[in-house]
Structures are given as C-alpha cells and as structure tokens.
Amino acid sequence: MDRDEMIGLARRMYAAANQHDLAAVDEIFAADFRGVGITGPDQVKRAWSAMIERCPDFHVELVDALVDGDRMALRATVTGAELATGTDGYLTEWVRVADGRIADLWGVTNVALR
C-alpha cells in the first residue's frame, strides 16, 4: 500500500468505530491481528462493543499520520466520552499494515473513563 492508502485505512478504522460498524472490523483488521491485550478481529469487536455500550457518543478524529514503509504513527483526538480527565482525550497509535489490513496496533491514551 502507498502512503495515501495506508492513511485511508486508518481513517476507515476510525470511521467504523465512530459509526459503530462492527462488520467493518473483518475488512480492516488482519485475521492474525495483535494489539494491546487483543488478538484477532473478534476481540477487536468485543472491545469496540464495550466502548460503544459505555460511551455511545465517542468520536475519534485523526489529526496526524506518519507513514514509513508498512508502519504508521497516528495521533487522534477523542471526544464524546465521559473522561475522568474532564477534557477531550488523545490517542497515539503505532500500526503495522500487512496485505492491506491492520496487522499490529499498539497505543497510548489519556482516555480514562469515569
């Protein structure tokens, strides 16, 4: 994938989460996906479902993306969640793409739900 396609994949991931589109997870994440405490698309769906149930109005907006080969660094804002910080949240994620899908995703955030 080229740079624009990879950034498009990141935007698609965030759009699917924002729209509560769990069916899109299978198209976005690799079958052998690995993340922080999550492996495989089914666990991504469970994690997203829990977030949607807890904060149905959350919204993730991509702010910056850096691409190097098959890897991306993403910075996003998070709004619409009842954050313990009392402010909007941020999300920084490191992604590896393989065969057009997200294969690895590791991140940090200040989103701590009340």
PDB file of N, CA and C in Angstrom:
ATOM      1  N   MET A   1       0.843  -1.181   0.000  1.00  0.00           N
ATOM      2  CA  MET A   1       0.000   0.000   0.000  1.00  0.00           C
ATOM      3  C   MET A   1       0.888   1.245   0.000  1.00  0.00           C
ATOM      4  N   ASP A   2       0.422   2.265  -0.681  1.00  0.00           N
ATOM      5  CA  ASP A   2       1.166   3.513  -0.639  1.00  0.00           C
ATOM      6  C   ASP A   2       0.704   4.342   0.573  1.00  0.00           C
ATOM      7  N   ARG A   3       1.341   5.474   0.763  1.00  0.00           N
ATOM      8  CA  ARG A   3       1.081   6.333   1.918  1.00  0.00           C
ATOM      9  C   ARG A   3      -0.398   6.709   2.024  1.00  0.00           C
ATOM     10  N   ASP A   4      -0.989   7.167   0.929  1.00  0.00           N
ATOM     11  CA  ASP A   4      -2.383   7.608   0.956  1.00  0.00           C
ATOM     12  C   ASP A   4      -3.335   6.454   1.267  1.00  0.00           C
ATOM     13  N   GLU A   5      -3.051   5.276   0.742  1.00  0.00           N
ATOM     14  CA  GLU A   5      -3.888   4.105   1.030  1.00  0.00           C
ATOM     15  C   GLU A   5      -3.798   3.719   2.503  1.00  0.00           C
ATOM     16  N   MET A   6      -2.598   3.812   3.059  1.00  0.00           N
ATOM     17  CA  MET A   6      -2.441   3.466   4.473  1.00  0.00           C
ATOM     18  C   MET A   6      -3.183   4.466   5.366  1.00  0.00           C
ATOM     19  N   ILE A   7      -3.069   5.745   5.058  1.00  0.00           N
ATOM     20  CA  ILE A   7      -3.797   6.754   5.839  1.00  0.00           C
ATOM     21  C   ILE A   7      -5.300   6.554   5.652  1.00  0.00           C
ATOM     22  N   GLY A   8      -5.715   6.176   4.457  1.00  0.00           N
ATOM     23  CA  GLY A   8      -7.124   5.857   4.210  1.00  0.00           C
ATOM     24  C   GLY A   8      -7.604   4.702   5.071  1.00  0.00           C
ATOM     25  N   LEU A   9      -6.750   3.708   5.270  1.00  0.00           N
ATOM     26  CA  LEU A   9      -7.092   2.578   6.134  1.00  0.00           C
ATOM     27  C   LEU A   9      -7.274   3.043   7.575  1.00  0.00           C
ATOM     28  N   ALA A  10      -6.407   3.925   8.044  1.00  0.00           N
ATOM     29  CA  ALA A  10      -6.540   4.468   9.400  1.00  0.00           C
ATOM     30  C   ALA A  10      -7.844   5.253   9.527  1.00  0.00           C
ATOM     31  N   ARG A  11      -8.142   6.079   8.541  1.00  0.00           N
ATOM     32  CA  ARG A  11      -9.401   6.846   8.570  1.00  0.00           C
ATOM     33  C   ARG A  11     -10.608   5.911   8.566  1.00  0.00           C
ATOM     34  N   ARG A  12     -10.508   4.847   7.790  1.00  0.00           N
ATOM     35  CA  ARG A  12     -11.590   3.858   7.723  1.00  0.00           C
ATOM     36  C   ARG A  12     -11.794   3.181   9.071  1.00  0.00           C
ATOM     37  N   MET A  13     -10.694   2.869   9.765  1.00  0.00           N
ATOM     38  CA  MET A  13     -10.787   2.262  11.096  1.00  0.00           C
ATOM     39  C   MET A  13     -11.531   3.196  12.051  1.00  0.00           C
ATOM     40  N   TYR A  14     -11.106   4.461  12.087  1.00  0.00           N
ATOM     41  CA  TYR A  14     -11.746   5.410  12.998  1.00  0.00           C
ATOM     42  C   TYR A  14     -13.201   5.659  12.597  1.00  0.00           C
ATOM     43  N   ALA A  15     -13.504   5.739  11.303  1.00  0.00           N
ATOM     44  CA  ALA A  15     -14.882   5.937  10.853  1.00  0.00           C
ATOM     45  C   ALA A  15     -15.760   4.760  11.268  1.00  0.00           C
ATOM     46  N   ALA A  16     -15.237   3.550  11.137  1.00  0.00           N
ATOM     47  CA  ALA A  16     -16.004   2.367  11.536  1.00  0.00           C
ATOM     48  C   ALA A  16     -16.290   2.397  13.036  1.00  0.00           C
ATOM     49  N   ALA A  17     -15.305   2.763  13.827  1.00  0.00           N
ATOM     50  CA  ALA A  17     -15.525   2.857  15.276  1.00  0.00           C
ATOM     51  C   ALA A  17     -16.556   3.941  15.577  1.00  0.00           C
ATOM     52  N   ASN A  18     -16.435   5.090  14.938  1.00  0.00           N
ATOM     53  CA  ASN A  18     -17.367   6.193  15.177  1.00  0.00           C
ATOM     54  C   ASN A  18     -18.796   5.835  14.790  1.00  0.00           C
ATOM     55  N   GLN A  19     -18.941   5.036  13.742  1.00  0.00           N
ATOM     56  CA  GLN A  19     -20.261   4.655  13.235  1.00  0.00           C
ATOM     57  C   GLN A  19     -20.769   3.346  13.840  1.00  0.00           C
ATOM     58  N   HIS A  20     -19.996   2.791  14.780  1.00  0.00           N
ATOM     59  CA  HIS A  20     -20.359   1.527  15.445  1.00  0.00           C
ATOM     60  C   HIS A  20     -20.518   0.398  14.425  1.00  0.00           C
ATOM     61  N   ASP A  21     -19.684   0.413  13.405  1.00  0.00           N
ATOM     62  CA  ASP A  21     -19.741  -0.555  12.312  1.00  0.00           C
ATOM     63  C   ASP A  21     -18.842  -1.750  12.615  1.00  0.00           C
ATOM     64  N   LEU A  22     -19.348  -2.671  13.411  1.00  0.00           N
ATOM     65  CA  LEU A  22     -18.544  -3.835  13.803  1.00  0.00           C
ATOM     66  C   LEU A  22     -18.267  -4.767  12.624  1.00  0.00           C
ATOM     67  N   ALA A  23     -19.145  -4.780  11.637  1.00  0.00           N
ATOM     68  CA  ALA A  23     -18.933  -5.640  10.468  1.00  0.00           C
ATOM     69  C   ALA A  23     -17.673  -5.232   9.706  1.00  0.00           C
ATOM     70  N   ALA A  24     -17.318  -3.952   9.746  1.00  0.00           N
ATOM     71  CA  ALA A  24     -16.129  -3.474   9.025  1.00  0.00           C
ATOM     72  C   ALA A  24     -14.832  -3.980   9.646  1.00  0.00           C
ATOM     73  N   VAL A  25     -14.870  -4.415  10.884  1.00  0.00           N
ATOM     74  CA  VAL A  25     -13.663  -4.888  11.570  1.00  0.00           C
ATOM     75  C   VAL A  25     -12.987  -6.002  10.775  1.00  0.00           C
ATOM     76  N   ASP A  26     -13.766  -6.920  10.231  1.00  0.00           N
ATOM     77  CA  ASP A  26     -13.187  -8.040   9.483  1.00  0.00           C
ATOM     78  C   ASP A  26     -12.475  -7.592   8.212  1.00  0.00           C
ATOM     79  N   GLU A  27     -12.868  -6.439   7.663  1.00  0.00           N
ATOM     80  CA  GLU A  27     -12.233  -5.916   6.456  1.00  0.00           C
ATOM     81  C   GLU A  27     -11.018  -5.057   6.776  1.00  0.00           C
ATOM     82  N   ILE A  28     -10.957  -4.529   7.992  1.00  0.00           N
ATOM     83  CA  ILE A  28      -9.903  -3.588   8.375  1.00  0.00           C
ATOM     84  C   ILE A  28      -8.734  -4.290   9.060  1.00  0.00           C
ATOM     85  N   PHE A  29      -9.036  -5.273   9.906  1.00  0.00           N
ATOM     86  CA  PHE A  29      -8.014  -5.945  10.711  1.00  0.00           C
ATOM     87  C   PHE A  29      -7.686  -7.319  10.146  1.00  0.00           C
ATOM     88  N   ALA A  30      -6.409  -7.669  10.176  1.00  0.00           N
ATOM     89  CA  ALA A  30      -5.949  -8.977   9.711  1.00  0.00           C
ATOM     90  C   ALA A  30      -6.470 -10.083  10.627  1.00  0.00           C
ATOM     91  N   ALA A  31      -6.620 -11.268  10.084  1.00  0.00           N
ATOM     92  CA  ALA A  31      -7.110 -12.404  10.863  1.00  0.00           C
ATOM     93  C   ALA A  31      -6.195 -12.702  12.048  1.00  0.00           C
ATOM     94  N   ASP A  32      -4.890 -12.444  11.896  1.00  0.00           N
ATOM     95  CA  ASP A  32      -3.930 -12.702  12.973  1.00  0.00           C
ATOM     96  C   ASP A  32      -3.529 -11.406  13.688  1.00  0.00           C
ATOM     97  N   PHE A  33      -4.425 -10.424  13.694  1.00  0.00           N
ATOM     98  CA  PHE A  33      -4.175  -9.130  14.326  1.00  0.00           C
ATOM     99  C   PHE A  33      -3.702  -9.287  15.769  1.00  0.00           C
ATOM    100  N   ARG A  34      -2.750  -8.396  16.156  1.00  0.00           N
ATOM    101  CA  ARG A  34      -2.268  -8.317  17.541  1.00  0.00           C
ATOM    102  C   ARG A  34      -2.312  -6.868  17.994  1.00  0.00           C
ATOM    103  N   GLY A  35      -2.782  -6.667  19.215  1.00  0.00           N
ATOM    104  CA  GLY A  35      -2.816  -5.336  19.803  1.00  0.00           C
ATOM    105  C   GLY A  35      -2.574  -5.429  21.294  1.00  0.00           C
ATOM    106  N   VAL A  36      -2.843  -4.360  21.993  1.00  0.00           N
ATOM    107  CA  VAL A  36      -2.640  -4.323  23.443  1.00  0.00           C
ATOM    108  C   VAL A  36      -3.732  -5.170  24.089  1.00  0.00           C
ATOM    109  N   GLY A  37      -3.382  -6.378  24.507  1.00  0.00           N
ATOM    110  CA  GLY A  37      -4.328  -7.270  25.169  1.00  0.00           C
ATOM    111  C   GLY A  37      -5.398  -7.838  24.260  1.00  0.00           C
ATOM    112  N   ILE A  38      -5.235  -7.686  22.961  1.00  0.00           N
ATOM    113  CA  ILE A  38      -6.251  -8.134  22.000  1.00  0.00           C
ATOM    114  C   ILE A  38      -5.556  -8.903  20.880  1.00  0.00           C
ATOM    115  N   THR A  39      -6.138 -10.024  20.504  1.00  0.00           N
ATOM    116  CA  THR A  39      -5.667 -10.754  19.327  1.00  0.00           C
ATOM    117  C   THR A  39      -6.880 -11.136  18.488  1.00  0.00           C
ATOM    118  N   GLY A  40      -6.804 -10.849  17.217  1.00  0.00           N
ATOM    119  CA  GLY A  40      -7.851 -11.226  16.281  1.00  0.00           C
ATOM    120  C   GLY A  40      -9.012 -10.246  16.217  1.00  0.00           C
ATOM    121  N   PRO A  41      -9.681 -10.225  15.078  1.00  0.00           N
ATOM    122  CA  PRO A  41     -10.802  -9.316  14.870  1.00  0.00           C
ATOM    123  C   PRO A  41     -11.959  -9.514  15.855  1.00  0.00           C
ATOM    124  N   ASP A  42     -12.214 -10.741  16.287  1.00  0.00           N
ATOM    125  CA  ASP A  42     -13.323 -10.956  17.223  1.00  0.00           C
ATOM    126  C   ASP A  42     -13.096 -10.217  18.535  1.00  0.00           C
ATOM    127  N   GLN A  43     -11.857 -10.183  18.998  1.00  0.00           N
ATOM    128  CA  GLN A  43     -11.578  -9.446  20.224  1.00  0.00           C
ATOM    129  C   GLN A  43     -11.646  -7.936  19.995  1.00  0.00           C
ATOM    130  N   VAL A  44     -11.314  -7.477  18.789  1.00  0.00           N
ATOM    131  CA  VAL A  44     -11.491  -6.060  18.458  1.00  0.00           C
ATOM    132  C   VAL A  44     -12.981  -5.719  18.551  1.00  0.00           C
ATOM    133  N   LYS A  45     -13.831  -6.567  17.989  1.00  0.00           N
ATOM    134  CA  LYS A  45     -15.277  -6.333  18.041  1.00  0.00           C
ATOM    135  C   LYS A  45     -15.769  -6.280  19.486  1.00  0.00           C
ATOM    136  N   ARG A  46     -15.281  -7.169  20.325  1.00  0.00           N
ATOM    137  CA  ARG A  46     -15.697  -7.158  21.742  1.00  0.00           C
ATOM    138  C   ARG A  46     -15.247  -5.874  22.428  1.00  0.00           C
ATOM    139  N   ALA A  47     -14.024  -5.437  22.141  1.00  0.00           N
ATOM    140  CA  ALA A  47     -13.522  -4.198  22.749  1.00  0.00           C
ATOM    141  C   ALA A  47     -14.326  -2.993  22.269  1.00  0.00           C
ATOM    142  N   TRP A  48     -14.589  -2.932  20.972  1.00  0.00           N
ATOM    143  CA  TRP A  48     -15.390  -1.824  20.434  1.00  0.00           C
ATOM    144  C   TRP A  48     -16.798  -1.857  21.012  1.00  0.00           C
ATOM    145  N   SER A  49     -17.394  -3.040  21.107  1.00  0.00           N
ATOM    146  CA  SER A  49     -18.750  -3.160  21.655  1.00  0.00           C
ATOM    147  C   SER A  49     -18.812  -2.639  23.078  1.00  0.00           C
ATOM    148  N   ALA A  50     -17.802  -2.959  23.874  1.00  0.00           N
ATOM    149  CA  ALA A  50     -17.764  -2.483  25.265  1.00  0.00           C
ATOM    150  C   ALA A  50     -17.658  -0.961  25.302  1.00  0.00           C
ATOM    151  N   MET A  51     -16.842  -0.379  24.428  1.00  0.00           N
ATOM    152  CA  MET A  51     -16.696   1.071  24.384  1.00  0.00           C
ATOM    153  C   MET A  51     -17.992   1.731  23.922  1.00  0.00           C
ATOM    154  N   ILE A  52     -18.622   1.159  22.910  1.00  0.00           N
ATOM    155  CA  ILE A  52     -19.883   1.700  22.392  1.00  0.00           C
ATOM    156  C   ILE A  52     -20.960   1.655  23.475  1.00  0.00           C
ATOM    157  N   GLU A  53     -21.019   0.564  24.213  1.00  0.00           N
ATOM    158  CA  GLU A  53     -22.011   0.443  25.287  1.00  0.00           C
ATOM    159  C   GLU A  53     -21.771   1.482  26.377  1.00  0.00           C
ATOM    160  N   ARG A  54     -20.526   1.670  26.713  1.00  0.00           N
ATOM    161  CA  ARG A  54     -20.172   2.605  27.788  1.00  0.00           C
ATOM    162  C   ARG A  54     -20.266   4.063  27.352  1.00  0.00           C
ATOM    163  N   CYS A  55     -19.847   4.354  26.123  1.00  0.00           N
ATOM    164  CA  CYS A  55     -19.794   5.738  25.614  1.00  0.00           C
ATOM    165  C   CYS A  55     -20.302   5.771  24.171  1.00  0.00           C
ATOM    166  N   PRO A  56     -21.604   5.697  23.964  1.00  0.00           N
ATOM    167  CA  PRO A  56     -22.129   5.613  22.598  1.00  0.00           C
ATOM    168  C   PRO A  56     -21.844   6.843  21.738  1.00  0.00           C
ATOM    169  N   ASP A  57     -21.516   7.968  22.348  1.00  0.00           N
ATOM    170  CA  ASP A  57     -21.271   9.194  21.585  1.00  0.00           C
ATOM    171  C   ASP A  57     -19.791   9.479  21.344  1.00  0.00           C
ATOM    172  N   PHE A  58     -18.907   8.518  21.682  1.00  0.00           N
ATOM    173  CA  PHE A  58     -17.486   8.804  21.485  1.00  0.00           C
ATOM    174  C   PHE A  58     -17.192   8.988  20.001  1.00  0.00           C
ATOM    175  N   HIS A  59     -16.178   9.780  19.743  1.00  0.00           N
ATOM    176  CA  HIS A  59     -15.781  10.066  18.362  1.00  0.00           C
ATOM    177  C   HIS A  59     -14.266  10.215  18.324  1.00  0.00           C
ATOM    178  N   VAL A  60     -13.639   9.520  17.399  1.00  0.00           N
ATOM    179  CA  VAL A  60     -12.185   9.591  17.225  1.00  0.00           C
ATOM    180  C   VAL A  60     -11.908  10.317  15.909  1.00  0.00           C
ATOM    181  N   GLU A  61     -11.045  11.303  15.972  1.00  0.00           N
ATOM    182  CA  GLU A  61     -10.717  12.104  14.789  1.00  0.00           C
ATOM    183  C   GLU A  61      -9.208  12.059  14.549  1.00  0.00           C
ATOM    184  N   LEU A  62      -8.800  11.587  13.382  1.00  0.00           N
ATOM    185  CA  LEU A  62      -7.384  11.545  13.030  1.00  0.00           C
ATOM    186  C   LEU A  62      -6.853  12.965  12.859  1.00  0.00           C
ATOM    187  N   VAL A  63      -5.752  13.261  13.545  1.00  0.00           N
ATOM    188  CA  VAL A  63      -5.126  14.582  13.481  1.00  0.00           C
ATOM    189  C   VAL A  63      -3.851  14.524  12.637  1.00  0.00           C
ATOM    190  N   ASP A  64      -3.008  13.541  12.897  1.00  0.00           N
ATOM    191  CA  ASP A  64      -1.732  13.403  12.199  1.00  0.00           C
ATOM    192  C   ASP A  64      -1.474  11.935  11.885  1.00  0.00           C
ATOM    193  N   ALA A  65      -0.791  11.705  10.772  1.00  0.00           N
ATOM    194  CA  ALA A  65      -0.364  10.354  10.414  1.00  0.00           C
ATOM    195  C   ALA A  65       1.006  10.430   9.758  1.00  0.00           C
ATOM    196  N   LEU A  66       1.914   9.621  10.240  1.00  0.00           N
ATOM    197  CA  LEU A  66       3.241   9.496   9.639  1.00  0.00           C
ATOM    198  C   LEU A  66       3.377   8.065   9.135  1.00  0.00           C
ATOM    199  N   VAL A  67       3.836   7.912   7.910  1.00  0.00           N
ATOM    200  CA  VAL A  67       3.963   6.596   7.301  1.00  0.00           C
ATOM    201  C   VAL A  67       5.416   6.332   6.961  1.00  0.00           C
ATOM    202  N   ASP A  68       5.885   5.129   7.308  1.00  0.00           N
ATOM    203  CA  ASP A  68       7.238   4.694   6.971  1.00  0.00           C
ATOM    204  C   ASP A  68       7.164   3.214   6.603  1.00  0.00           C
ATOM    205  N   GLY A  69       7.236   2.924   5.326  1.00  0.00           N
ATOM    206  CA  GLY A  69       7.140   1.542   4.889  1.00  0.00           C
ATOM    207  C   GLY A  69       5.774   0.970   5.192  1.00  0.00           C
ATOM    208  N   ASP A  70       5.743  -0.115   5.982  1.00  0.00           N
ATOM    209  CA  ASP A  70       4.477  -0.760   6.324  1.00  0.00           C
ATOM    210  C   ASP A  70       3.956  -0.318   7.694  1.00  0.00           C
ATOM    211  N   ARG A  71       4.501   0.775   8.224  1.00  0.00           N
ATOM    212  CA  ARG A  71       4.135   1.236   9.565  1.00  0.00           C
ATOM    213  C   ARG A  71       3.600   2.663   9.540  1.00  0.00           C
ATOM    214  N   MET A  72       2.714   2.925  10.505  1.00  0.00           N
ATOM    215  CA  MET A  72       2.158   4.272  10.659  1.00  0.00           C
ATOM    216  C   MET A  72       2.203   4.667  12.127  1.00  0.00           C
ATOM    217  N   ALA A  73       2.379   5.942  12.368  1.00  0.00           N
ATOM    218  CA  ALA A  73       2.179   6.537  13.683  1.00  0.00           C
ATOM    219  C   ALA A  73       0.977   7.462  13.534  1.00  0.00           C
ATOM    220  N   LEU A  74      -0.025   7.286  14.393  1.00  0.00           N
ATOM    221  CA  LEU A  74      -1.268   8.045  14.300  1.00  0.00           C
ATOM    222  C   LEU A  74      -1.488   8.836  15.572  1.00  0.00           C
ATOM    223  N   ARG A  75      -1.979  10.066  15.408  1.00  0.00           N
ATOM    224  CA  ARG A  75      -2.381  10.877  16.560  1.00  0.00           C
ATOM    225  C   ARG A  75      -3.817  11.299  16.315  1.00  0.00           C
ATOM    226  N   ALA A  76      -4.665  11.078  17.304  1.00  0.00           N
ATOM    227  CA  ALA A  76      -6.081  11.376  17.146  1.00  0.00           C
ATOM    228  C   ALA A  76      -6.632  12.013  18.413  1.00  0.00           C
ATOM    229  N   THR A  77      -7.757  12.719  18.259  1.00  0.00           N
ATOM    230  CA  THR A  77      -8.478  13.244  19.413  1.00  0.00           C
ATOM    231  C   THR A  77      -9.678  12.346  19.673  1.00  0.00           C
ATOM    232  N   VAL A  78     -10.097  12.298  20.933  1.00  0.00           N
ATOM    233  CA  VAL A  78     -11.260  11.511  21.333  1.00  0.00           C
ATOM    234  C   VAL A  78     -12.223  12.452  22.050  1.00  0.00           C
ATOM    235  N   THR A  79     -13.458  12.513  21.568  1.00  0.00           N
ATOM    236  CA  THR A  79     -14.486  13.337  22.196  1.00  0.00           C
ATOM    237  C   THR A  79     -15.729  12.491  22.433  1.00  0.00           C
ATOM    238  N   GLY A  80     -16.651  13.042  23.213  1.00  0.00           N
ATOM    239  CA  GLY A  80     -17.931  12.373  23.415  1.00  0.00           C
ATOM    240  C   GLY A  80     -17.923  11.278  24.454  1.00  0.00           C
ATOM    241  N   ALA A  81     -16.836  11.104  25.136  1.00  0.00           N
ATOM    242  CA  ALA A  81     -16.767  10.107  26.208  1.00  0.00           C
ATOM    243  C   ALA A  81     -16.696  10.858  27.536  1.00  0.00           C
ATOM    244  N   GLU A  82     -17.262  10.280  28.558  1.00  0.00           N
ATOM    245  CA  GLU A  82     -17.140  10.886  29.882  1.00  0.00           C
ATOM    246  C   GLU A  82     -15.756  10.554  30.407  1.00  0.00           C
ATOM    247  N   LEU A  83     -14.858  11.485  30.199  1.00  0.00           N
ATOM    248  CA  LEU A  83     -13.469  11.241  30.537  1.00  0.00           C
ATOM    249  C   LEU A  83     -13.187  11.653  31.972  1.00  0.00           C
ATOM    250  N   ALA A  84     -12.434  10.851  32.650  1.00  0.00           N
ATOM    251  CA  ALA A  84     -12.053  11.156  34.030  1.00  0.00           C
ATOM    252  C   ALA A  84     -11.208  12.420  34.108  1.00  0.00           C
ATOM    253  N   THR A  85     -10.529  12.751  33.007  1.00  0.00           N
ATOM    254  CA  THR A  85      -9.686  13.949  32.992  1.00  0.00           C
ATOM    255  C   THR A  85     -10.509  15.221  32.889  1.00  0.00           C
ATOM    256  N   GLY A  86     -11.776  15.122  32.455  1.00  0.00           N
ATOM    257  CA  GLY A  86     -12.611  16.290  32.286  1.00  0.00           C
ATOM    258  C   GLY A  86     -12.315  17.061  31.005  1.00  0.00           C
ATOM    259  N   THR A  87     -11.390  16.570  30.202  1.00  0.00           N
ATOM    260  CA  THR A  87     -11.036  17.222  28.939  1.00  0.00           C
ATOM    261  C   THR A  87     -11.164  16.204  27.816  1.00  0.00           C
ATOM    262  N   ASP A  88     -11.067  16.703  26.595  1.00  0.00           N
ATOM    263  CA  ASP A  88     -11.048  15.782  25.463  1.00  0.00           C
ATOM    264  C   ASP A  88      -9.809  14.904  25.564  1.00  0.00           C
ATOM    265  N   GLY A  89      -9.902  13.745  24.998  1.00  0.00           N
ATOM    266  CA  GLY A  89      -8.794  12.816  25.078  1.00  0.00           C
ATOM    267  C   GLY A  89      -7.928  12.829  23.837  1.00  0.00           C
ATOM    268  N   TYR A  90      -6.804  12.177  23.954  1.00  0.00           N
ATOM    269  CA  TYR A  90      -5.937  11.973  22.801  1.00  0.00           C
ATOM    270  C   TYR A  90      -5.628  10.491  22.703  1.00  0.00           C
ATOM    271  N   LEU A  91      -5.206  10.093  21.548  1.00  0.00           N
ATOM    272  CA  LEU A  91      -4.868   8.709  21.273  1.00  0.00           C
ATOM    273  C   LEU A  91      -3.673   8.731  20.336  1.00  0.00           C
ATOM    274  N   THR A  92      -2.632   8.015  20.685  1.00  0.00           N
ATOM    275  CA  THR A  92      -1.473   7.847  19.820  1.00  0.00           C
ATOM    276  C   THR A  92      -1.332   6.352  19.566  1.00  0.00           C
ATOM    277  N   GLU A  93      -1.284   5.979  18.295  1.00  0.00           N
ATOM    278  CA  GLU A  93      -1.219   4.559  17.954  1.00  0.00           C
ATOM    279  C   GLU A  93      -0.112   4.311  16.936  1.00  0.00           C
ATOM    280  N   TRP A  94       0.505   3.163  17.077  1.00  0.00           N
ATOM    281  CA  TRP A  94       1.511   2.688  16.134  1.00  0.00           C
ATOM    282  C   TRP A  94       0.923   1.469  15.466  1.00  0.00           C
ATOM    283  N   VAL A  95       0.938   1.478  14.147  1.00  0.00           N
ATOM    284  CA  VAL A  95       0.245   0.465  13.360  1.00  0.00           C
ATOM    285  C   VAL A  95       1.202  -0.157  12.357  1.00  0.00           C
ATOM    286  N   ARG A  96       1.075  -1.468  12.178  1.00  0.00           N
ATOM    287  CA  ARG A  96       1.757  -2.156  11.080  1.00  0.00           C
ATOM    288  C   ARG A  96       0.685  -2.733  10.171  1.00  0.00           C
ATOM    289  N   VAL A  97       0.860  -2.522   8.876  1.00  0.00           N
ATOM    290  CA  VAL A  97      -0.102  -2.982   7.886  1.00  0.00           C
ATOM    291  C   VAL A  97       0.517  -4.128   7.093  1.00  0.00           C
ATOM    292  N   ALA A  98      -0.280  -5.169   6.862  1.00  0.00           N
ATOM    293  CA  ALA A  98       0.146  -6.303   6.038  1.00  0.00           C
ATOM    294  C   ALA A  98      -1.026  -6.713   5.144  1.00  0.00           C
ATOM    295  N   ASP A  99      -0.759  -6.873   3.876  1.00  0.00           N
ATOM    296  CA  ASP A  99      -1.790  -7.293   2.918  1.00  0.00           C
ATOM    297  C   ASP A  99      -3.035  -6.419   2.975  1.00  0.00           C
ATOM    298  N   GLY A 100      -2.838  -5.114   3.167  1.00  0.00           N
ATOM    299  CA  GLY A 100      -3.935  -4.169   3.126  1.00  0.00           C
ATOM    300  C   GLY A 100      -4.786  -4.096   4.378  1.00  0.00           C
ATOM    301  N   ARG A 101      -4.339  -4.762   5.455  1.00  0.00           N
ATOM    302  CA  ARG A 101      -5.104  -4.756   6.706  1.00  0.00           C
ATOM    303  C   ARG A 101      -4.197  -4.441   7.877  1.00  0.00           C
ATOM    304  N   ILE A 102      -4.794  -3.983   8.953  1.00  0.00           N
ATOM    305  CA  ILE A 102      -4.020  -3.680  10.147  1.00  0.00           C
ATOM    306  C   ILE A 102      -3.641  -4.997  10.821  1.00  0.00           C
ATOM    307  N   ALA A 103      -2.336  -5.236  10.914  1.00  0.00           N
ATOM    308  CA  ALA A 103      -1.825  -6.476  11.496  1.00  0.00           C
ATOM    309  C   ALA A 103      -1.434  -6.297  12.957  1.00  0.00           C
ATOM    310  N   ASP A 104      -0.891  -5.146  13.301  1.00  0.00           N
ATOM    311  CA  ASP A 104      -0.488  -4.842  14.677  1.00  0.00           C
ATOM    312  C   ASP A 104      -0.915  -3.422  14.996  1.00  0.00           C
ATOM    313  N   LEU A 105      -1.333  -3.194  16.237  1.00  0.00           N
ATOM    314  CA  LEU A 105      -1.693  -1.851  16.678  1.00  0.00           C
ATOM    315  C   LEU A 105      -1.377  -1.745  18.166  1.00  0.00           C
ATOM    316  N   TRP A 106      -0.568  -0.772  18.504  1.00  0.00           N
ATOM    317  CA  TRP A 106      -0.170  -0.524  19.892  1.00  0.00           C
ATOM    318  C   TRP A 106      -0.398   0.944  20.158  1.00  0.00           C
ATOM    319  N   GLY A 107      -0.897   1.293  21.308  1.00  0.00           N
ATOM    320  CA  GLY A 107      -1.187   2.691  21.529  1.00  0.00           C
ATOM    321  C   GLY A 107      -1.156   3.118  22.972  1.00  0.00           C
ATOM    322  N   VAL A 108      -1.234   4.441  23.140  1.00  0.00           N
ATOM    323  CA  VAL A 108      -1.348   5.065  24.463  1.00  0.00           C
ATOM    324  C   VAL A 108      -2.425   6.142  24.366  1.00  0.00           C
ATOM    325  N   THR A 109      -3.062   6.398  25.487  1.00  0.00           N
ATOM    326  CA  THR A 109      -4.126   7.388  25.515  1.00  0.00           C
ATOM    327  C   THR A 109      -4.253   7.978  26.901  1.00  0.00           C
ATOM    328  N   ASN A 110      -4.884   9.140  26.980  1.00  0.00           N
ATOM    329  CA  ASN A 110      -5.219   9.695  28.276  1.00  0.00           C
ATOM    330  C   ASN A 110      -6.703   9.470  28.587  1.00  0.00           C
ATOM    331  N   VAL A 111      -7.350   8.670  27.769  1.00  0.00           N
ATOM    332  CA  VAL A 111      -8.774   8.385  27.974  1.00  0.00           C
ATOM    333  C   VAL A 111      -8.903   7.411  29.138  1.00  0.00           C
ATOM    334  N   ALA A 112      -9.398   7.933  30.248  1.00  0.00           N
ATOM    335  CA  ALA A 112      -9.709   7.120  31.423  1.00  0.00           C
ATOM    336  C   ALA A 112     -11.172   7.392  31.740  1.00  0.00           C
ATOM    337  N   LEU A 113     -12.012   6.426  31.533  1.00  0.00           N
ATOM    338  CA  LEU A 113     -13.448   6.631  31.708  1.00  0.00           C
ATOM    339  C   LEU A 113     -13.808   6.724  33.179  1.00  0.00           C
ATOM    340  N   ARG A 114     -14.834   7.529  33.436  1.00  0.00           N
ATOM    341  CA  ARG A 114     -15.338   7.650  34.808  1.00  0.00           C
ATOM    342  C   ARG A 114     -16.070   6.411  35.219  1.00  0.00           C
TER     343      ARG A 114
END
